[in-house]
Amino acid sequence: MSGWIRAWIVALLLCSGSGGALAQTALPVAELGAGMYRIAAEVADTFQARQRGLMQRRSMPPNHGMVFVFPEDAIHCMWMKNTYLPLSVAFIDGDGRLINIADMQPQTEDSHCAAAPARFALEMNLGWFAERGIGPGALLRGFERLPPAR
């Protein structure tokens, strides 16, 4: 079974029993990996999906997140306007190498930027990366299978 089909099945199962945490969007879910950890990440690969991000969410299950797929390598920045969850964002290059991580507080408009040109940003619950000892330089898995930005 392909990774995308498996990810869709997981997403459907999660939506049916997660209290709506993922049911608020119709974004595809990709399986990513960091060290020994599996991540179910909603894929924000369009301008509209990247702009909305995790706004209005009240909860997110453990080991779930959102991956932002950008159309070019650049110093991308994130903010937390209308976002109720405290999050950590990892900026990742085109090869899946983690550049830097920023912790973000809910409902703020502070900019949190990549320290070098990034192709992706992965938002997880606050402290997810630190709690697992995953930091800059780590090679994450699954980014090569993500669709290109649209």
N, C-alpha and C. Protein backbone atom coordinates (compact mmCIF):
# COMPACT_ATOMS: atom_id res chain seq x y z
N MET A 1 0.85 -1.16 0.00
CA MET A 1 0.00 0.00 0.00
C MET A 1 0.90 1.23 0.00
N SER A 2 0.61 2.21 -0.87
CA SER A 2 1.47 3.39 -0.96
C SER A 2 1.35 4.25 0.30
N GLY A 3 2.36 5.08 0.52
CA GLY A 3 2.37 5.95 1.70
C GLY A 3 1.21 6.92 1.71
N TRP A 4 0.84 7.44 0.54
CA TRP A 4 -0.27 8.40 0.49
C TRP A 4 -1.59 7.73 0.82
N ILE A 5 -1.82 6.53 0.29
CA ILE A 5 -3.07 5.82 0.61
C ILE A 5 -3.13 5.53 2.10
N ARG A 6 -2.03 5.07 2.66
CA ARG A 6 -1.96 4.79 4.09
C ARG A 6 -2.24 6.07 4.89
N ALA A 7 -1.68 7.20 4.45
CA ALA A 7 -1.89 8.47 5.15
C ALA A 7 -3.35 8.90 5.09
N TRP A 8 -4.00 8.68 3.95
CA TRP A 8 -5.42 9.04 3.84
C TRP A 8 -6.27 8.18 4.77
N ILE A 9 -5.96 6.91 4.85
CA ILE A 9 -6.71 6.02 5.75
C ILE A 9 -6.53 6.48 7.20
N VAL A 10 -5.30 6.79 7.57
CA VAL A 10 -5.04 7.29 8.93
C VAL A 10 -5.83 8.57 9.18
N ALA A 11 -5.82 9.48 8.21
CA ALA A 11 -6.53 10.75 8.37
C ALA A 11 -8.03 10.52 8.55
N LEU A 12 -8.60 9.61 7.77
CA LEU A 12 -10.03 9.32 7.90
C LEU A 12 -10.35 8.75 9.27
N LEU A 13 -9.51 7.85 9.75
CA LEU A 13 -9.73 7.28 11.07
C LEU A 13 -9.61 8.34 12.16
N LEU A 14 -8.62 9.20 12.03
CA LEU A 14 -8.44 10.25 13.03
C LEU A 14 -9.60 11.23 13.03
N CYS A 15 -10.07 11.59 11.85
CA CYS A 15 -11.17 12.54 11.77
C CYS A 15 -12.45 11.98 12.38
N SER A 16 -12.63 10.68 12.27
CA SER A 16 -13.86 10.09 12.79
C SER A 16 -13.86 10.01 14.31
N GLY A 17 -12.69 10.08 14.95
CA GLY A 17 -12.68 9.95 16.40
C GLY A 17 -11.85 10.99 17.13
N SER A 18 -11.51 12.10 16.47
CA SER A 18 -10.62 13.07 17.11
C SER A 18 -11.33 14.28 17.65
N GLY A 19 -12.64 14.25 17.66
CA GLY A 19 -13.35 15.43 18.14
C GLY A 19 -13.24 16.60 17.19
N GLY A 20 -12.90 16.33 15.93
CA GLY A 20 -12.86 17.37 14.93
C GLY A 20 -11.53 18.07 14.77
N ALA A 21 -10.51 17.64 15.47
CA ALA A 21 -9.22 18.33 15.38
C ALA A 21 -8.72 18.39 13.95
N LEU A 22 -8.82 17.29 13.22
CA LEU A 22 -8.39 17.30 11.83
C LEU A 22 -9.57 17.48 10.88
N ALA A 23 -10.78 17.28 11.36
CA ALA A 23 -11.95 17.34 10.50
C ALA A 23 -12.24 18.76 10.03
N GLN A 24 -11.59 19.78 10.60
CA GLN A 24 -11.85 21.15 10.22
C GLN A 24 -11.33 21.46 8.82
N THR A 25 -10.46 20.66 8.28
CA THR A 25 -9.91 20.91 6.96
C THR A 25 -10.01 19.66 6.12
N ALA A 26 -9.82 19.86 4.84
CA ALA A 26 -9.80 18.72 3.93
C ALA A 26 -8.41 18.55 3.35
N LEU A 27 -7.40 18.89 4.12
CA LEU A 27 -6.03 18.78 3.63
C LEU A 27 -5.56 17.33 3.65
N PRO A 28 -4.73 16.95 2.67
CA PRO A 28 -4.14 15.61 2.72
C PRO A 28 -3.19 15.50 3.90
N VAL A 29 -2.95 14.29 4.34
CA VAL A 29 -2.04 14.02 5.45
C VAL A 29 -0.88 13.17 4.93
N ALA A 30 0.34 13.60 5.26
CA ALA A 30 1.54 12.87 4.86
C ALA A 30 2.20 12.28 6.09
N GLU A 31 2.81 11.14 5.91
CA GLU A 31 3.59 10.54 6.99
C GLU A 31 5.04 11.01 6.87
N LEU A 32 5.51 11.69 7.91
CA LEU A 32 6.88 12.17 7.98
C LEU A 32 7.56 11.46 9.15
N GLY A 33 8.86 11.62 9.25
CA GLY A 33 9.57 11.00 10.36
C GLY A 33 10.71 11.86 10.85
N ALA A 34 10.93 11.78 12.15
CA ALA A 34 12.04 12.48 12.81
C ALA A 34 12.62 11.51 13.82
N GLY A 35 13.85 11.05 13.57
CA GLY A 35 14.42 10.03 14.44
C GLY A 35 13.53 8.80 14.41
N MET A 36 13.19 8.29 15.61
CA MET A 36 12.32 7.11 15.67
C MET A 36 10.83 7.47 15.70
N TYR A 37 10.50 8.75 15.52
CA TYR A 37 9.13 9.21 15.67
C TYR A 37 8.44 9.39 14.31
N ARG A 38 7.19 8.94 14.26
CA ARG A 38 6.36 9.13 13.08
C ARG A 38 5.47 10.35 13.31
N ILE A 39 5.27 11.11 12.26
CA ILE A 39 4.47 12.32 12.31
C ILE A 39 3.39 12.24 11.25
N ALA A 40 2.15 12.49 11.63
CA ALA A 40 1.05 12.63 10.67
C ALA A 40 0.88 14.14 10.47
N ALA A 41 1.26 14.63 9.29
CA ALA A 41 1.26 16.07 9.04
C ALA A 41 0.29 16.44 7.93
N GLU A 42 -0.63 17.34 8.26
CA GLU A 42 -1.48 17.90 7.23
C GLU A 42 -0.59 18.68 6.28
N VAL A 43 -0.87 18.61 4.99
CA VAL A 43 -0.03 19.23 3.98
C VAL A 43 -0.66 20.53 3.49
N ALA A 44 -0.01 21.65 3.81
CA ALA A 44 -0.43 22.97 3.34
C ALA A 44 0.45 23.32 2.14
N ASP A 45 -0.01 22.96 0.94
CA ASP A 45 0.81 23.16 -0.26
C ASP A 45 0.22 24.20 -1.21
N THR A 46 -0.86 24.87 -0.81
CA THR A 46 -1.42 25.96 -1.61
C THR A 46 -1.28 27.26 -0.82
N PHE A 47 -1.37 28.38 -1.52
CA PHE A 47 -1.28 29.67 -0.85
C PHE A 47 -2.35 29.80 0.23
N GLN A 48 -3.58 29.40 -0.09
CA GLN A 48 -4.68 29.51 0.87
C GLN A 48 -4.45 28.64 2.10
N ALA A 49 -4.00 27.42 1.90
CA ALA A 49 -3.74 26.52 3.03
C ALA A 49 -2.59 27.03 3.89
N ARG A 50 -1.54 27.55 3.25
CA ARG A 50 -0.42 28.11 4.02
C ARG A 50 -0.85 29.34 4.80
N GLN A 51 -1.71 30.17 4.19
CA GLN A 51 -2.18 31.37 4.86
C GLN A 51 -3.04 31.04 6.08
N ARG A 52 -3.89 30.04 5.98
CA ARG A 52 -4.78 29.66 7.09
C ARG A 52 -4.03 28.88 8.16
N GLY A 53 -3.14 27.97 7.74
CA GLY A 53 -2.36 27.19 8.70
C GLY A 53 -3.23 26.53 9.74
N LEU A 54 -2.83 26.65 11.00
CA LEU A 54 -3.56 26.04 12.11
C LEU A 54 -4.45 27.05 12.85
N MET A 55 -4.79 28.14 12.17
CA MET A 55 -5.68 29.13 12.78
C MET A 55 -6.99 28.48 13.22
N GLN A 56 -7.50 28.97 14.32
CA GLN A 56 -8.79 28.56 14.89
C GLN A 56 -8.79 27.17 15.52
N ARG A 57 -7.69 26.45 15.47
CA ARG A 57 -7.63 25.12 16.09
C ARG A 57 -7.53 25.26 17.59
N ARG A 58 -8.20 24.38 18.31
CA ARG A 58 -8.17 24.40 19.77
C ARG A 58 -7.32 23.26 20.34
N SER A 59 -7.06 22.23 19.52
CA SER A 59 -6.24 21.11 19.98
C SER A 59 -5.62 20.41 18.78
N MET A 60 -4.57 19.66 19.05
CA MET A 60 -3.92 18.86 18.02
C MET A 60 -3.39 17.60 18.70
N PRO A 61 -3.70 16.43 18.17
CA PRO A 61 -3.22 15.19 18.80
C PRO A 61 -1.69 15.11 18.84
N PRO A 62 -1.16 14.34 19.79
CA PRO A 62 0.30 14.14 19.82
C PRO A 62 0.79 13.53 18.50
N ASN A 63 1.99 13.88 18.10
CA ASN A 63 2.63 13.38 16.88
C ASN A 63 1.89 13.77 15.61
N HIS A 64 1.07 14.81 15.70
CA HIS A 64 0.41 15.38 14.53
C HIS A 64 0.89 16.81 14.36
N GLY A 65 0.87 17.28 13.13
CA GLY A 65 1.28 18.64 12.87
C GLY A 65 0.81 19.09 11.51
N MET A 66 1.41 20.17 11.04
CA MET A 66 1.13 20.69 9.71
C MET A 66 2.45 21.04 9.06
N VAL A 67 2.62 20.56 7.81
CA VAL A 67 3.82 20.88 7.05
C VAL A 67 3.43 21.88 5.96
N PHE A 68 4.17 22.98 5.92
CA PHE A 68 3.97 24.02 4.92
C PHE A 68 4.98 23.79 3.80
N VAL A 69 4.48 23.65 2.58
CA VAL A 69 5.33 23.43 1.42
C VAL A 69 5.39 24.75 0.66
N PHE A 70 6.57 25.35 0.60
CA PHE A 70 6.73 26.64 -0.05
C PHE A 70 7.21 26.45 -1.49
N PRO A 71 6.87 27.41 -2.37
CA PRO A 71 7.26 27.27 -3.78
C PRO A 71 8.73 27.51 -4.06
N GLU A 72 9.46 28.12 -3.10
CA GLU A 72 10.88 28.39 -3.31
C GLU A 72 11.61 28.37 -1.98
N ASP A 73 12.91 28.15 -2.07
CA ASP A 73 13.77 28.25 -0.90
C ASP A 73 13.91 29.74 -0.57
N ALA A 74 13.59 30.10 0.66
CA ALA A 74 13.65 31.50 1.07
C ALA A 74 13.66 31.57 2.59
N ILE A 75 13.84 32.78 3.11
CA ILE A 75 13.75 33.01 4.56
C ILE A 75 12.26 33.22 4.86
N HIS A 76 11.55 32.13 5.03
CA HIS A 76 10.11 32.18 5.33
C HIS A 76 9.91 32.48 6.81
N CYS A 77 8.83 33.17 7.11
CA CYS A 77 8.49 33.52 8.50
C CYS A 77 7.07 33.09 8.80
N MET A 78 6.82 32.78 10.07
CA MET A 78 5.51 32.33 10.54
C MET A 78 5.07 33.26 11.66
N TRP A 79 3.76 33.32 11.89
CA TRP A 79 3.20 34.06 13.02
C TRP A 79 2.01 33.32 13.55
N MET A 80 1.42 33.83 14.62
CA MET A 80 0.38 33.07 15.33
C MET A 80 -0.96 33.81 15.44
N LYS A 81 -1.20 34.76 14.58
CA LYS A 81 -2.47 35.47 14.61
C LYS A 81 -3.62 34.48 14.46
N ASN A 82 -4.61 34.57 15.34
CA ASN A 82 -5.79 33.70 15.33
C ASN A 82 -5.46 32.22 15.53
N THR A 83 -4.32 31.93 16.09
CA THR A 83 -3.92 30.55 16.38
C THR A 83 -3.93 30.38 17.90
N TYR A 84 -4.69 29.40 18.38
CA TYR A 84 -4.91 29.22 19.82
C TYR A 84 -3.97 28.21 20.46
N LEU A 85 -3.22 27.47 19.65
CA LEU A 85 -2.32 26.43 20.15
C LEU A 85 -0.90 26.97 20.28
N PRO A 86 -0.21 26.73 21.38
CA PRO A 86 1.22 27.04 21.41
C PRO A 86 1.95 26.02 20.54
N LEU A 87 2.82 26.49 19.67
CA LEU A 87 3.45 25.62 18.68
C LEU A 87 4.96 25.81 18.63
N SER A 88 5.64 24.78 18.16
CA SER A 88 7.04 24.88 17.76
C SER A 88 7.07 24.70 16.25
N VAL A 89 7.82 25.54 15.58
CA VAL A 89 7.95 25.43 14.13
C VAL A 89 9.41 25.10 13.80
N ALA A 90 9.57 24.08 12.97
CA ALA A 90 10.90 23.71 12.47
C ALA A 90 10.98 24.13 11.01
N PHE A 91 12.03 24.87 10.68
CA PHE A 91 12.26 25.24 9.29
C PHE A 91 13.22 24.21 8.70
N ILE A 92 12.89 23.74 7.50
CA ILE A 92 13.57 22.58 6.91
C ILE A 92 13.97 22.90 5.48
N ASP A 93 15.17 22.49 5.09
CA ASP A 93 15.62 22.76 3.72
C ASP A 93 15.06 21.72 2.75
N GLY A 94 15.37 21.89 1.48
CA GLY A 94 14.85 21.02 0.43
C GLY A 94 15.29 19.58 0.53
N ASP A 95 16.34 19.30 1.29
CA ASP A 95 16.83 17.93 1.49
C ASP A 95 16.27 17.28 2.75
N GLY A 96 15.41 18.00 3.50
CA GLY A 96 14.85 17.45 4.73
C GLY A 96 15.70 17.70 5.96
N ARG A 97 16.70 18.57 5.86
CA ARG A 97 17.57 18.87 6.99
C ARG A 97 16.98 20.03 7.79
N LEU A 98 16.88 19.83 9.10
CA LEU A 98 16.30 20.84 9.99
C LEU A 98 17.28 22.01 10.16
N ILE A 99 16.80 23.21 9.86
CA ILE A 99 17.63 24.41 9.93
C ILE A 99 17.58 25.01 11.34
N ASN A 100 16.38 25.33 11.80
CA ASN A 100 16.22 25.90 13.14
C ASN A 100 14.78 25.69 13.59
N ILE A 101 14.57 25.85 14.89
CA ILE A 101 13.25 25.68 15.51
C ILE A 101 12.93 26.94 16.28
N ALA A 102 11.68 27.38 16.19
CA ALA A 102 11.23 28.53 16.98
C ALA A 102 9.97 28.13 17.74
N ASP A 103 9.91 28.53 19.00
CA ASP A 103 8.70 28.31 19.81
C ASP A 103 7.81 29.53 19.67
N MET A 104 6.51 29.29 19.48
CA MET A 104 5.56 30.37 19.20
C MET A 104 4.40 30.32 20.19
N GLN A 105 4.05 31.48 20.71
CA GLN A 105 2.96 31.59 21.66
C GLN A 105 1.67 31.95 20.93
N PRO A 106 0.53 31.47 21.44
CA PRO A 106 -0.76 31.71 20.78
C PRO A 106 -1.10 33.18 20.64
N GLN A 107 -1.82 33.47 19.58
CA GLN A 107 -2.41 34.78 19.30
C GLN A 107 -1.43 35.94 19.39
N THR A 108 -0.25 35.73 18.85
CA THR A 108 0.74 36.80 18.78
C THR A 108 1.04 37.09 17.31
N GLU A 109 1.61 38.24 17.06
CA GLU A 109 1.97 38.61 15.70
C GLU A 109 3.48 38.74 15.53
N ASP A 110 4.23 38.14 16.45
CA ASP A 110 5.69 38.12 16.33
C ASP A 110 6.08 37.25 15.14
N SER A 111 7.10 37.67 14.41
CA SER A 111 7.60 36.86 13.30
C SER A 111 8.63 35.85 13.81
N HIS A 112 8.52 34.63 13.34
CA HIS A 112 9.46 33.55 13.64
C HIS A 112 9.97 33.08 12.29
N CYS A 113 11.26 33.28 12.03
CA CYS A 113 11.80 33.10 10.69
C CYS A 113 12.85 32.01 10.60
N ALA A 114 13.00 31.49 9.41
CA ALA A 114 14.06 30.52 9.12
C ALA A 114 15.41 31.24 9.23
N ALA A 115 16.41 30.54 9.75
CA ALA A 115 17.75 31.09 9.90
C ALA A 115 18.55 31.00 8.59
N ALA A 116 18.03 30.26 7.62
CA ALA A 116 18.64 30.09 6.30
C ALA A 116 17.50 29.77 5.34
N PRO A 117 17.74 29.83 4.04
CA PRO A 117 16.65 29.51 3.10
C PRO A 117 16.05 28.13 3.38
N ALA A 118 14.72 28.12 3.52
CA ALA A 118 13.99 26.89 3.83
C ALA A 118 12.96 26.62 2.72
N ARG A 119 12.64 25.35 2.52
CA ARG A 119 11.61 24.95 1.57
C ARG A 119 10.33 24.55 2.31
N PHE A 120 10.49 24.12 3.58
CA PHE A 120 9.36 23.62 4.37
C PHE A 120 9.38 24.22 5.77
N ALA A 121 8.20 24.23 6.39
CA ALA A 121 8.08 24.52 7.82
C ALA A 121 7.15 23.47 8.39
N LEU A 122 7.51 22.91 9.54
CA LEU A 122 6.71 21.87 10.19
C LEU A 122 6.31 22.37 11.56
N GLU A 123 4.99 22.59 11.75
CA GLU A 123 4.48 23.02 13.04
C GLU A 123 3.98 21.82 13.83
N MET A 124 4.43 21.76 15.09
CA MET A 124 4.03 20.71 16.01
C MET A 124 3.64 21.37 17.33
N ASN A 125 3.02 20.61 18.23
CA ASN A 125 2.71 21.15 19.55
C ASN A 125 3.99 21.67 20.20
N LEU A 126 3.84 22.73 21.00
CA LEU A 126 4.99 23.38 21.64
C LEU A 126 5.86 22.37 22.39
N GLY A 127 7.15 22.40 22.11
CA GLY A 127 8.11 21.55 22.81
C GLY A 127 8.30 20.17 22.20
N TRP A 128 7.57 19.84 21.15
CA TRP A 128 7.63 18.50 20.58
C TRP A 128 9.07 18.13 20.18
N PHE A 129 9.75 19.00 19.49
CA PHE A 129 11.12 18.71 19.04
C PHE A 129 12.08 18.60 20.21
N ALA A 130 12.02 19.56 21.13
CA ALA A 130 12.93 19.58 22.29
C ALA A 130 12.73 18.34 23.16
N GLU A 131 11.49 17.95 23.38
CA GLU A 131 11.20 16.78 24.23
C GLU A 131 11.77 15.49 23.64
N ARG A 132 12.02 15.47 22.35
CA ARG A 132 12.54 14.28 21.68
C ARG A 132 14.01 14.41 21.28
N GLY A 133 14.62 15.51 21.67
CA GLY A 133 16.04 15.71 21.37
C GLY A 133 16.32 15.93 19.89
N ILE A 134 15.37 16.48 19.16
CA ILE A 134 15.52 16.72 17.73
C ILE A 134 15.82 18.20 17.53
N GLY A 135 16.97 18.48 16.91
CA GLY A 135 17.38 19.87 16.75
C GLY A 135 17.99 20.15 15.40
N PRO A 136 18.56 21.35 15.24
CA PRO A 136 19.18 21.74 13.98
C PRO A 136 20.20 20.70 13.51
N GLY A 137 20.16 20.45 12.21
CA GLY A 137 21.05 19.47 11.60
C GLY A 137 20.42 18.10 11.45
N ALA A 138 19.34 17.82 12.18
CA ALA A 138 18.67 16.51 12.06
C ALA A 138 18.10 16.35 10.66
N LEU A 139 18.18 15.13 10.14
CA LEU A 139 17.61 14.81 8.84
C LEU A 139 16.26 14.17 9.06
N LEU A 140 15.21 14.80 8.55
CA LEU A 140 13.85 14.30 8.70
C LEU A 140 13.47 13.52 7.45
N ARG A 141 12.51 12.61 7.61
CA ARG A 141 12.11 11.72 6.52
C ARG A 141 10.76 12.11 5.93
N GLY A 142 10.58 11.78 4.66
CA GLY A 142 9.28 11.90 4.00
C GLY A 142 9.09 13.17 3.19
N PHE A 143 9.98 14.12 3.32
CA PHE A 143 9.81 15.40 2.62
C PHE A 143 9.94 15.24 1.11
N GLU A 144 10.72 14.27 0.67
CA GLU A 144 10.89 14.04 -0.76
C GLU A 144 9.60 13.53 -1.41
N ARG A 145 8.67 13.03 -0.61
CA ARG A 145 7.39 12.52 -1.15
C ARG A 145 6.28 13.57 -1.14
N LEU A 146 6.53 14.74 -0.57
CA LEU A 146 5.50 15.77 -0.51
C LEU A 146 5.24 16.34 -1.91
N PRO A 147 4.01 16.75 -2.15
CA PRO A 147 3.72 17.36 -3.46
C PRO A 147 4.38 18.73 -3.54
N PRO A 148 4.63 19.21 -4.75
CA PRO A 148 5.19 20.56 -4.87
C PRO A 148 4.16 21.61 -4.47
N ALA A 149 4.63 22.78 -4.11
CA ALA A 149 3.73 23.88 -3.77
C ALA A 149 2.91 24.24 -5.01
N ARG A 150 1.67 24.59 -4.74
CA ARG A 150 0.79 25.03 -5.83
C ARG A 150 0.37 26.46 -5.59
